[in-house]
């Protein structure tokens, strides 16, 4: 068993999502006129980044600038009695990643998620709970996408990594 574990460690295997942005610090900036649901999204984003090992700090490695956050629930399909049978919830935002000097590290990323779900007019309380759950899932999915984008932006380039390996090989060669 020990040999198998050492083989995994030697080949560079790591669990997906571990160590990608660990130790990174961030600062969150948002527009003043964000919608009412932004406070919930901000809480979810901070928790998601915290679980990934990214912590909030005043002088930070990166700045996340979020603008245009919007959530919307629209009526979708109707049933035979022309009553709403389906809703569509949408959440969208624009995020930019800046370095510690304020330089743009990546172009603005527009994220938009949409989910349709059935409405049960006989169970209005249950339908409200389902809508709340869908909105929370959309917020979590947006936060996860921001974390993935941040890990891609902060990942060292492949060319630089291969040059480092070559340099280390040359220095350690007999």
Protein backbone atom coordinates (compact mmCIF):
# COMPACT_ATOMS: atom_id res chain seq x y z
CA UNK A 1 0.00 0.00 0.00
CA UNK A 2 2.88 2.33 0.83
CA UNK A 3 4.44 1.73 -2.60
CA UNK A 4 1.17 2.66 -4.33
CA UNK A 5 0.85 5.87 -2.32
CA UNK A 6 4.45 6.81 -3.09
CA UNK A 7 3.84 6.14 -6.79
CA UNK A 8 0.91 8.57 -6.74
CA UNK A 9 3.01 11.20 -4.97
CA UNK A 10 5.92 10.69 -7.38
CA UNK A 11 3.81 11.14 -10.50
CA UNK A 12 2.38 14.47 -9.31
CA UNK A 13 -1.12 13.15 -8.60
CA UNK A 14 -3.27 15.36 -6.44
CA UNK A 15 -6.95 15.43 -5.76
CA UNK A 16 -8.88 17.74 -8.03
CA UNK A 17 -9.22 21.17 -6.52
CA UNK A 18 -6.58 20.79 -3.84
CA UNK A 19 -3.75 23.27 -3.59
CA UNK A 20 -4.64 25.25 -6.71
CA UNK A 21 -4.96 28.58 -4.96
CA UNK A 22 -3.99 27.72 -1.40
CA UNK A 23 -2.17 30.51 0.40
CA UNK A 24 -3.44 33.17 -2.00
CA UNK A 25 -4.93 36.37 -0.57
CA UNK A 26 -7.70 38.38 -2.19
CA UNK A 27 -9.61 41.61 -1.87
CA UNK A 28 -13.20 41.88 -3.07
CA UNK A 29 -14.44 45.05 -4.75
CA UNK A 30 -17.98 45.49 -6.01
CA UNK A 31 -20.06 48.25 -7.53
CA UNK A 32 -22.11 50.34 -5.11
CA UNK A 33 -25.45 49.69 -6.81
CA UNK A 34 -25.59 45.87 -6.63
CA UNK A 35 -28.95 44.11 -6.49
CA UNK A 36 -30.54 42.90 -3.25
CA UNK A 37 -29.34 39.29 -3.70
CA UNK A 38 -25.70 40.34 -3.86
CA UNK A 39 -25.22 40.12 -0.08
CA UNK A 40 -26.17 36.42 -0.17
CA UNK A 41 -23.85 35.79 -3.10
CA UNK A 42 -20.98 37.62 -1.39
CA UNK A 43 -21.38 35.42 1.69
CA UNK A 44 -21.33 32.26 -0.47
CA UNK A 45 -18.28 33.49 -2.44
CA UNK A 46 -16.29 34.26 0.71
CA UNK A 47 -17.11 30.84 2.18
CA UNK A 48 -16.14 29.07 -1.06
CA UNK A 49 -12.83 30.91 -1.32
CA UNK A 50 -12.14 30.26 2.37
CA UNK A 51 -12.67 26.50 1.97
CA UNK A 52 -10.20 26.54 -0.95
CA UNK A 53 -7.51 28.16 1.21
CA UNK A 54 -7.86 31.63 -0.27
CA UNK A 55 -8.14 34.23 2.46
CA UNK A 56 -9.25 37.83 2.48
CA UNK A 57 -6.57 40.40 3.30
CA UNK A 58 -6.07 44.13 2.98
CA UNK A 59 -2.85 44.12 0.98
CA UNK A 60 -3.84 41.20 -1.25
CA UNK A 61 -2.21 39.17 -4.02
CA UNK A 62 -5.27 39.64 -6.27
CA UNK A 63 -8.34 41.82 -6.38
CA UNK A 64 -11.68 40.44 -7.54
CA UNK A 65 -13.86 43.17 -9.04
CA UNK A 66 -17.51 42.14 -9.38
CA UNK A 67 -19.96 44.26 -11.32
CA UNK A 68 -23.40 43.77 -12.78
CA UNK A 69 -24.63 41.11 -10.35
CA UNK A 70 -28.25 40.27 -11.18
CA UNK A 71 -30.73 37.60 -10.21
CA UNK A 72 -34.07 37.14 -11.88
CA UNK A 73 -36.93 34.65 -11.76
CA UNK A 74 -39.20 34.50 -14.77
CA UNK A 75 -42.36 32.55 -15.48
CA UNK A 76 -41.75 29.77 -17.96
CA UNK A 77 -44.20 27.18 -19.24
CA UNK A 78 -47.89 27.21 -18.35
CA UNK A 79 -50.26 24.29 -17.78
CA UNK A 80 -53.62 23.56 -19.45
CA UNK A 81 -55.38 26.07 -17.16
CA UNK A 82 -52.88 28.76 -18.21
CA UNK A 83 -51.30 28.83 -14.77
CA UNK A 84 -47.54 28.99 -14.36
CA UNK A 85 -46.12 25.46 -14.21
CA UNK A 86 -42.44 26.27 -14.54
CA UNK A 87 -40.10 29.07 -13.43
CA UNK A 88 -36.68 30.00 -14.74
CA UNK A 89 -34.13 31.50 -12.34
CA UNK A 90 -31.11 33.33 -13.72
CA UNK A 91 -28.00 34.69 -11.98
CA UNK A 92 -25.28 36.64 -13.75
CA UNK A 93 -22.27 38.81 -13.01
CA UNK A 94 -19.08 40.22 -14.50
CA UNK A 95 -15.79 39.51 -12.70
CA UNK A 96 -12.30 40.90 -13.31
CA UNK A 97 -9.08 39.70 -11.70
CA UNK A 98 -6.41 42.32 -10.95
CA UNK A 99 -2.93 41.84 -9.52
CA UNK A 100 -1.61 43.64 -6.44
CA UNK A 101 -0.63 46.67 -8.55
CA UNK A 102 -4.09 46.99 -10.14
CA UNK A 103 -3.12 45.52 -13.52
CA UNK A 104 -5.72 43.38 -15.24
CA UNK A 105 -4.65 39.70 -15.15
CA UNK A 106 -7.54 38.45 -17.28
CA UNK A 107 -10.23 40.00 -19.41
CA UNK A 108 -13.61 40.53 -17.83
CA UNK A 109 -15.40 37.23 -17.44
CA UNK A 110 -19.17 37.26 -17.89
CA UNK A 111 -20.83 34.44 -15.96
CA UNK A 112 -24.49 33.58 -16.38
CA UNK A 113 -26.35 30.56 -15.07
CA UNK A 114 -29.94 29.57 -15.67
CA UNK A 115 -32.07 26.82 -14.18
CA UNK A 116 -35.67 25.87 -14.87
CA UNK A 117 -37.82 24.11 -12.28
CA UNK A 118 -41.43 22.97 -11.92
CA UNK A 119 -44.02 24.84 -9.86
CA UNK A 120 -46.70 23.02 -7.90
CA UNK A 121 -49.65 25.35 -7.31
CA UNK A 122 -51.06 22.94 -4.71
CA UNK A 123 -47.86 23.25 -2.64
CA UNK A 124 -46.97 26.95 -2.68
CA UNK A 125 -44.76 26.77 0.40
CA UNK A 126 -42.82 23.90 -1.11
CA UNK A 127 -42.50 25.80 -4.38
CA UNK A 128 -41.10 28.82 -2.53
CA UNK A 129 -38.56 26.58 -0.78
CA UNK A 130 -37.62 25.07 -4.12
CA UNK A 131 -37.10 28.55 -5.61
CA UNK A 132 -34.91 29.52 -2.64
CA UNK A 133 -32.89 26.32 -3.04
CA UNK A 134 -32.40 26.94 -6.78
CA UNK A 135 -31.21 30.50 -6.10
CA UNK A 136 -28.72 29.24 -3.49
CA UNK A 137 -27.44 26.61 -5.93
CA UNK A 138 -26.97 29.27 -8.61
CA UNK A 139 -24.98 31.42 -6.16
CA UNK A 140 -22.80 28.43 -5.23
CA UNK A 141 -22.22 27.53 -8.88
CA UNK A 142 -21.18 31.13 -9.67
CA UNK A 143 -18.78 31.13 -6.70
CA UNK A 144 -17.32 27.80 -7.88
CA UNK A 145 -16.79 29.23 -11.38
CA UNK A 146 -14.99 32.26 -9.95
CA UNK A 147 -12.73 29.96 -7.92
CA UNK A 148 -11.92 27.88 -11.02
CA UNK A 149 -11.22 31.03 -13.05
CA UNK A 150 -8.97 32.33 -10.28
CA UNK A 151 -7.02 29.07 -10.17
CA UNK A 152 -6.51 29.20 -13.96
CA UNK A 153 -5.36 32.82 -13.88
CA UNK A 154 -2.96 32.19 -10.99
CA UNK A 155 -1.58 28.91 -12.40
CA UNK A 156 2.00 29.33 -13.60
CA UNK A 157 2.35 29.03 -17.33
CA UNK A 158 3.29 25.62 -18.73
CA UNK A 159 6.34 27.04 -20.49
CA UNK A 160 7.74 28.54 -17.30
CA UNK A 161 7.21 25.28 -15.41
CA UNK A 162 9.02 23.21 -18.06
CA UNK A 163 11.95 25.67 -18.10
CA UNK A 164 12.23 25.33 -14.30
CA UNK A 165 12.32 21.54 -14.57
CA UNK A 166 14.99 21.71 -17.29
CA UNK A 167 17.06 24.15 -15.19
CA UNK A 168 16.80 21.92 -12.10
CA UNK A 169 17.80 18.86 -14.17
CA UNK A 170 20.87 20.65 -15.56
CA UNK A 171 21.97 21.82 -12.10
CA UNK A 172 21.59 18.38 -10.54
CA UNK A 173 23.14 16.44 -13.43
CA UNK A 174 26.53 14.75 -12.71
